[in-house]
Amino acid sequence: MKTSWRSASFVATAAALLALTTACGQDRGDVTGTSQNVGDAAPAQGGYGSGADGYGSDGYGSSGDTAAKTESAGQLAVWDSKKLGGVVTDSAGFTLYRFDKDTAQPPQSNCDDACLKAWPAVPADGAKAAPGVDPSLLGEVTAADGTKQLTLDGWPMYRYAKDAKPGDAKGQGVGGVWYAAAPDGKKASPAAAARPADLKGLSTRKDPKLGEIVVDREGRTVYRFLKDSAWPIKSNCVGACAEKWPAVAPVAKNDTKGIPLKGYMTFTRPDGTKQQTLNCWPVYTFSGDKKPGDTNGQGVGGTWYAAGPDGKPVGAPK
């Protein structure tokens, strides 16, 4: 089993720096500046579950059921939900979940001991990738109770105490922070179910109003922020801004379609995570886009615009 977190280092020679300078920041007409506060995110609740204690009386993690908490996931499978699209399950057919308060880069579980009673950590030992899912996406991290917890593309995996039978997904959306896991580690969602199945990690589509714009694997519009810079590569969207405009995680070059590879690279954000760029410009999605094809972020604050394949902000003032 390979670890979920891959770190990459870049050693630049003088010649490489010259090449990057030539490749990056060709459209410097964009404004640069300090980070923009785009609004406060709603305070997250505990999110452990519903009811007085949220532990549930049936299914995994019920009172006194220690064995259920430590049972291996075994051979993972993918359940095709009409509402959620592909959902990862353990060998018994129980839904696996991810927690928004965790992190994938680096992998870290932030579900404490009380939380783990409602959301038992899935042990990594003995877990095997679902058919058709890249085994390298599986890894492990240490949970608060010492469990070597299974991760999927860096995201720690959990079961839910109130899922009483295979096929249940009662944990979906609990507290606004718990979601069934899709085969690629992302959140299973109605939008994911609706997206075309053959989308690459980054590709393009023809928008009736904006023309050709970049979309991610879920069909979500990819955006540029005019206050960023391309050389040096820098994101000025941090804090509350980053919650509203999630950074696009690194996407392999061979997982793109219609994307020029000039200036196609990643960089380290102020919080230490990696972010993808187009022509050296940092790119994002928008939390206000609820389904594939939405462009609700276009023109927000006069600083956010859909990204064209060349990394330029589509429709931005000249």
Protein backbone atom coordinates (compact mmCIF):
# COMPACT_ATOMS: atom_id res chain seq x y z
CA MET A 1 0.00 0.00 0.00
CA LYS A 2 1.40 3.35 -0.94
CA THR A 3 1.10 6.41 1.23
CA SER A 4 -1.57 8.92 0.21
CA TRP A 5 0.57 11.98 0.67
CA ARG A 6 3.13 12.55 -2.02
CA SER A 7 5.53 15.41 -1.60
CA ALA A 8 7.56 16.74 -4.54
CA SER A 9 10.68 18.90 -4.53
CA PHE A 10 11.91 21.18 -7.30
CA VAL A 11 15.60 22.00 -7.72
CA ALA A 12 15.96 24.92 -10.13
CA THR A 13 19.07 25.65 -12.14
CA ALA A 14 19.79 29.07 -13.56
CA ALA A 15 18.70 27.87 -16.99
CA ALA A 16 15.43 26.48 -15.60
CA LEU A 17 14.70 29.75 -13.83
CA LEU A 18 15.18 31.61 -17.09
CA ALA A 19 12.82 29.21 -18.84
CA LEU A 20 10.18 29.59 -16.14
CA THR A 21 10.43 33.35 -16.26
CA THR A 22 9.78 33.17 -19.98
CA ALA A 23 6.90 30.70 -19.57
CA CYS A 24 5.13 32.38 -16.66
CA GLY A 25 3.29 35.63 -16.16
CA GLN A 26 2.81 36.52 -19.81
CA ASP A 27 -0.38 38.51 -19.10
CA ARG A 28 0.81 40.75 -16.28
CA GLY A 29 -2.04 43.18 -16.78
CA ASP A 30 -3.85 41.63 -13.83
CA VAL A 31 -3.84 43.49 -10.54
CA THR A 32 -1.83 42.04 -7.65
CA GLY A 33 -2.33 42.83 -3.99
CA THR A 34 -3.11 41.50 -0.55
CA SER A 35 -5.58 38.76 0.26
CA GLN A 36 -9.26 39.52 -0.14
CA ASN A 37 -11.81 38.64 2.51
CA VAL A 38 -14.75 37.39 0.48
CA GLY A 39 -17.10 36.78 3.35
CA ASP A 40 -17.20 34.78 6.57
CA ALA A 41 -17.98 31.10 6.30
CA ALA A 42 -20.82 29.81 8.47
CA PRO A 43 -19.40 28.44 11.72
CA ALA A 44 -19.15 24.66 11.58
CA GLN A 45 -20.98 22.63 14.18
CA GLY A 46 -19.52 19.65 15.97
CA GLY A 47 -20.82 17.49 13.17
CA TYR A 48 -20.46 14.21 15.06
CA GLY A 49 -24.03 13.10 14.33
CA SER A 50 -27.64 13.73 15.19
CA GLY A 51 -29.38 12.98 18.47
CA ALA A 52 -28.21 13.54 22.01
CA ASP A 53 -24.89 11.78 21.60
CA GLY A 54 -24.80 11.05 17.88
CA TYR A 55 -23.44 7.54 18.47
CA GLY A 56 -26.44 5.67 17.07
CA SER A 57 -27.99 2.48 18.35
CA ASP A 58 -27.50 0.29 15.30
CA GLY A 59 -24.76 -0.52 12.84
CA TYR A 60 -21.06 0.15 13.24
CA GLY A 61 -19.97 1.92 16.40
CA SER A 62 -23.07 1.12 18.48
CA SER A 63 -22.64 1.05 22.22
CA GLY A 64 -20.13 -1.56 23.36
CA ASP A 65 -19.42 -2.82 19.83
CA THR A 66 -15.64 -2.68 19.87
CA ALA A 67 -15.21 -5.28 17.12
CA ALA A 68 -17.26 -3.23 14.66
CA LYS A 69 -15.01 -0.24 15.24
CA THR A 70 -11.89 -2.18 14.32
CA GLU A 71 -13.22 -4.40 11.52
CA SER A 72 -11.19 -4.25 8.33
CA ALA A 73 -12.80 -2.75 5.24
CA GLY A 74 -11.50 -5.68 3.20
CA GLN A 75 -12.19 -5.53 -0.52
CA LEU A 76 -13.62 -2.09 -1.22
CA ALA A 77 -16.44 -1.73 -3.73
CA VAL A 78 -18.27 1.10 -5.48
CA TRP A 79 -22.03 1.39 -5.09
CA ASP A 80 -23.78 3.25 -7.93
CA SER A 81 -26.24 5.56 -6.16
CA LYS A 82 -28.82 7.31 -8.31
CA LYS A 83 -28.65 10.31 -5.99
CA LEU A 84 -24.94 10.46 -5.24
CA GLY A 85 -23.17 8.73 -8.10
CA GLY A 86 -20.35 6.32 -7.21
CA VAL A 87 -20.05 5.71 -3.45
CA VAL A 88 -17.24 3.68 -1.85
CA THR A 89 -18.26 0.86 0.48
CA ASP A 90 -16.43 -1.74 2.54
CA SER A 91 -16.62 -5.45 1.77
CA ALA A 92 -19.89 -5.70 3.73
CA GLY A 93 -21.52 -2.94 1.67
CA PHE A 94 -21.38 -0.23 4.35
CA THR A 95 -20.80 3.33 3.10
CA LEU A 96 -17.44 4.98 3.81
CA TYR A 97 -17.34 8.68 4.67
CA ARG A 98 -14.95 11.62 4.75
CA PHE A 99 -14.89 14.57 7.18
CA ASP A 100 -14.49 18.17 5.97
CA LYS A 101 -12.46 19.09 9.07
CA ASP A 102 -9.79 16.56 8.12
CA THR A 103 -7.02 17.34 5.65
CA ALA A 104 -5.64 15.32 2.74
CA GLN A 105 -2.34 17.16 2.19
CA PRO A 106 -0.92 16.13 4.56
CA PRO A 107 -3.37 13.41 5.63
CA GLN A 108 -4.71 14.18 9.11
CA SER A 109 -7.72 12.96 11.08
CA ASN A 110 -9.38 15.60 13.24
CA CYS A 111 -12.12 13.30 14.56
CA ASP A 112 -11.39 12.94 18.28
CA ASP A 113 -12.22 10.05 20.62
CA ALA A 114 -15.85 11.12 21.18
CA CYS A 115 -16.30 11.73 17.48
CA LEU A 116 -14.88 8.27 16.68
CA LYS A 117 -17.70 6.63 18.64
CA ALA A 118 -20.16 8.00 16.08
CA TRP A 119 -17.78 7.79 13.14
CA PRO A 120 -15.46 4.79 13.64
CA ALA A 121 -12.16 5.04 11.77
CA VAL A 122 -11.80 2.45 9.00
CA PRO A 123 -8.61 0.41 9.59
CA ALA A 124 -6.13 0.48 6.74
CA ASP A 125 -4.92 -3.07 7.37
CA GLY A 126 -6.38 -5.51 4.86
CA ALA A 127 -8.11 -2.88 2.72
CA LYS A 128 -7.94 -3.43 -1.04
CA ALA A 129 -8.83 -0.94 -3.75
CA ALA A 130 -12.19 -1.29 -5.46
CA PRO A 131 -12.03 -2.69 -9.01
CA GLY A 132 -11.15 0.08 -11.44
CA VAL A 133 -9.80 2.37 -8.68
CA ASP A 134 -6.07 3.20 -8.64
CA PRO A 135 -4.54 1.27 -5.68
CA SER A 136 -2.05 4.12 -5.17
CA LEU A 137 -4.96 6.25 -3.87
CA LEU A 138 -5.06 4.08 -0.73
CA GLY A 139 -2.90 4.98 2.24
CA GLU A 140 -3.06 5.35 6.00
CA VAL A 141 -2.88 7.86 8.84
CA THR A 142 -3.01 7.49 12.63
CA ALA A 143 -6.41 8.33 14.13
CA ALA A 144 -6.92 9.81 17.61
CA ASP A 145 -7.56 6.34 19.08
CA GLY A 146 -4.33 4.97 17.59
CA THR A 147 -6.01 3.17 14.69
CA LYS A 148 -3.99 3.02 11.48
CA GLN A 149 -6.80 4.57 9.51
CA LEU A 150 -7.46 4.02 5.81
CA THR A 151 -7.14 7.07 3.58
CA LEU A 152 -8.44 7.57 0.04
CA ASP A 153 -6.44 10.12 -1.93
CA GLY A 154 -5.28 11.42 1.45
CA TRP A 155 -8.75 11.67 3.05
CA PRO A 156 -9.27 9.57 6.21
CA MET A 157 -12.18 7.11 5.87
CA TYR A 158 -14.94 6.47 8.42
CA ARG A 159 -18.10 4.43 8.87
CA TYR A 160 -21.27 5.89 10.46
CA ALA A 161 -22.87 4.42 13.59
CA LYS A 162 -26.42 4.95 12.30
CA ASP A 163 -25.96 3.09 9.04
CA ALA A 164 -27.76 -0.11 10.06
CA LYS A 165 -27.51 -2.08 6.82
CA PRO A 166 -25.54 -2.22 3.57
CA GLY A 167 -26.54 0.58 1.22
CA ASP A 168 -27.46 3.03 3.99
CA ALA A 169 -25.98 6.51 3.61
CA LYS A 170 -27.57 8.22 6.62
CA GLY A 171 -24.32 10.10 7.28
CA GLN A 172 -24.50 12.05 4.02
CA GLY A 173 -24.43 15.78 4.80
CA VAL A 174 -24.54 15.38 8.61
CA GLY A 175 -23.51 18.64 10.26
CA GLY A 176 -22.61 19.98 6.82
CA VAL A 177 -19.20 18.29 7.21
CA TRP A 178 -19.72 14.55 6.63
CA TYR A 179 -20.06 13.11 3.13
CA ALA A 180 -20.01 9.70 1.50
CA ALA A 181 -16.71 9.14 -0.31
CA ALA A 182 -16.52 8.93 -4.10
CA PRO A 183 -14.03 6.47 -5.67
CA ASP A 184 -11.43 9.24 -6.16
CA GLY A 185 -11.69 10.40 -2.54
CA LYS A 186 -13.84 13.42 -3.34
CA LYS A 187 -17.30 13.97 -1.86
CA ALA A 188 -20.10 11.96 -3.38
CA SER A 189 -22.78 14.44 -4.36
CA PRO A 190 -25.74 14.93 -6.73
CA ALA A 191 -23.45 17.12 -8.82
CA ALA A 192 -20.93 14.29 -9.08
CA ALA A 193 -23.70 11.93 -10.17
CA ALA A 194 -24.73 14.37 -12.91
CA ARG A 195 -21.29 15.05 -14.34
CA PRO A 196 -20.08 13.29 -17.50
CA ALA A 197 -18.18 10.14 -16.56
CA ASP A 198 -15.30 10.74 -18.96
CA LEU A 199 -14.13 14.14 -17.70
CA LYS A 200 -10.41 14.50 -17.12
CA GLY A 201 -8.89 16.12 -14.03
CA LEU A 202 -8.88 19.39 -15.98
CA SER A 203 -10.51 19.88 -19.36
CA THR A 204 -12.55 22.50 -21.22
CA ARG A 205 -16.15 23.05 -22.18
CA LYS A 206 -18.03 25.55 -24.30
CA ASP A 207 -20.09 27.85 -22.11
CA PRO A 208 -22.95 29.53 -24.01
CA LYS A 209 -22.06 32.95 -22.57
CA LEU A 210 -18.34 32.78 -21.83
CA GLY A 211 -16.99 30.56 -24.58
CA GLU A 212 -14.27 27.98 -23.85
CA ILE A 213 -13.51 27.70 -20.13
CA VAL A 214 -11.71 25.19 -17.92
CA VAL A 215 -13.58 22.69 -15.73
CA ASP A 216 -12.39 20.11 -13.21
CA ARG A 217 -13.20 16.40 -12.99
CA GLU A 218 -16.57 17.15 -11.40
CA GLY A 219 -17.50 19.55 -14.21
CA ARG A 220 -17.08 22.57 -11.91
CA THR A 221 -15.92 25.84 -13.42
CA VAL A 222 -12.29 26.78 -12.70
CA TYR A 223 -11.55 30.43 -11.83
CA ARG A 224 -8.75 32.99 -11.72
CA PHE A 225 -8.27 35.67 -9.06
CA LEU A 226 -7.01 39.00 -10.37
CA LYS A 227 -5.13 39.75 -7.15
CA ASP A 228 -2.82 36.76 -7.60
CA SER A 229 0.49 36.90 -9.45
CA ALA A 230 2.12 34.47 -11.89
CA TRP A 231 5.78 35.31 -11.42
CA PRO A 232 6.59 34.86 -8.70
CA ILE A 233 3.65 32.47 -8.43
CA LYS A 234 1.56 33.62 -5.48
CA SER A 235 -1.98 33.11 -4.20
CA ASN A 236 -3.55 36.02 -2.34
CA CYS A 237 -6.69 34.04 -1.52
CA VAL A 238 -6.24 32.78 2.05
CA GLY A 239 -8.32 32.36 5.20
CA ALA A 240 -12.06 32.93 4.62
CA CYS A 241 -11.35 33.54 0.94
CA ALA A 242 -9.83 30.05 0.56
CA GLU A 243 -12.93 28.50 2.14
CA LYS A 244 -15.15 30.17 -0.43
CA TRP A 245 -12.75 29.63 -3.33
CA PRO A 246 -11.06 26.21 -2.83
CA ALA A 247 -7.68 25.91 -4.52
CA VAL A 248 -7.49 23.38 -7.35
CA ALA A 249 -5.27 20.54 -6.12
CA PRO A 250 -2.43 19.31 -8.36
CA VAL A 251 -3.58 17.50 -11.50
CA ALA A 252 -1.17 15.31 -13.48
CA LYS A 253 -0.36 16.50 -16.98
CA ASN A 254 -1.64 13.27 -18.48
CA ASP A 255 -4.97 13.85 -16.70
CA THR A 256 -5.79 16.93 -18.78
CA LYS A 257 -7.54 17.47 -22.09
CA GLY A 258 -7.32 20.66 -24.14
CA ILE A 259 -5.04 22.34 -21.56
CA PRO A 260 -1.77 23.91 -22.83
CA LEU A 261 1.16 22.60 -20.79
CA LYS A 262 3.19 25.81 -21.04
CA GLY A 263 3.51 27.09 -17.47
CA TYR A 264 1.46 24.13 -16.22
CA MET A 265 2.90 23.56 -12.76
CA THR A 266 2.12 23.49 -9.05
CA PHE A 267 3.32 25.68 -6.20
CA THR A 268 3.13 25.75 -2.42
CA ARG A 269 0.39 27.90 -0.90
CA PRO A 270 0.85 29.92 2.33
CA ASP A 271 -0.83 27.09 4.29
CA GLY A 272 1.67 24.55 2.95
CA THR A 273 -0.67 22.75 0.53
CA LYS A 274 -0.02 22.42 -3.20
CA GLN A 275 -2.08 24.26 -5.82
CA GLN A 276 -2.37 23.82 -9.58
CA THR A 277 -1.67 26.67 -11.99
CA LEU A 278 -2.57 27.41 -15.62
CA ASN A 279 0.24 29.29 -17.37
CA CYS A 280 1.60 29.83 -13.84
CA TRP A 281 -1.62 31.48 -12.59
CA PRO A 282 -3.22 29.87 -9.48
CA VAL A 283 -6.67 28.44 -10.17
CA TYR A 284 -9.71 27.75 -7.98
CA THR A 285 -13.28 26.47 -7.89
CA PHE A 286 -16.21 28.33 -6.27
CA SER A 287 -18.27 27.04 -3.36
CA GLY A 288 -21.28 28.89 -4.78
CA ASP A 289 -21.35 26.63 -7.86
CA LYS A 290 -23.78 23.87 -6.93
CA LYS A 291 -23.79 21.76 -10.10
CA PRO A 292 -21.72 21.17 -13.23
CA GLY A 293 -22.06 24.09 -15.63
CA ASP A 294 -22.64 26.73 -12.94
CA THR A 295 -20.63 29.94 -13.35
CA ASN A 296 -21.91 31.77 -10.27
CA GLY A 297 -18.39 33.00 -9.49
CA GLN A 298 -18.04 34.93 -12.75
CA GLY A 299 -17.28 38.60 -12.04
CA VAL A 300 -17.65 38.31 -8.25
CA GLY A 301 -16.11 41.37 -6.60
CA GLY A 302 -14.74 42.43 -9.97
CA THR A 303 -11.78 40.10 -9.26
CA TRP A 304 -12.96 36.55 -10.02
CA TYR A 305 -13.35 35.21 -13.56
CA ALA A 306 -13.61 31.84 -15.25
CA ALA A 307 -10.24 30.63 -16.50
CA GLY A 308 -9.58 30.04 -20.17
CA PRO A 309 -7.31 27.17 -21.27
CA ASP A 310 -4.41 29.64 -21.54
CA GLY A 311 -4.93 30.71 -17.92
CA LYS A 312 -6.36 34.10 -18.84
CA PRO A 313 -9.47 35.35 -16.99
CA VAL A 314 -12.39 35.11 -19.40
CA GLY A 315 -14.46 38.29 -19.56
CA ALA A 316 -12.21 40.32 -17.26
CA PRO A 317 -11.83 44.03 -18.05
CA LYS A 318 -8.86 44.76 -20.31
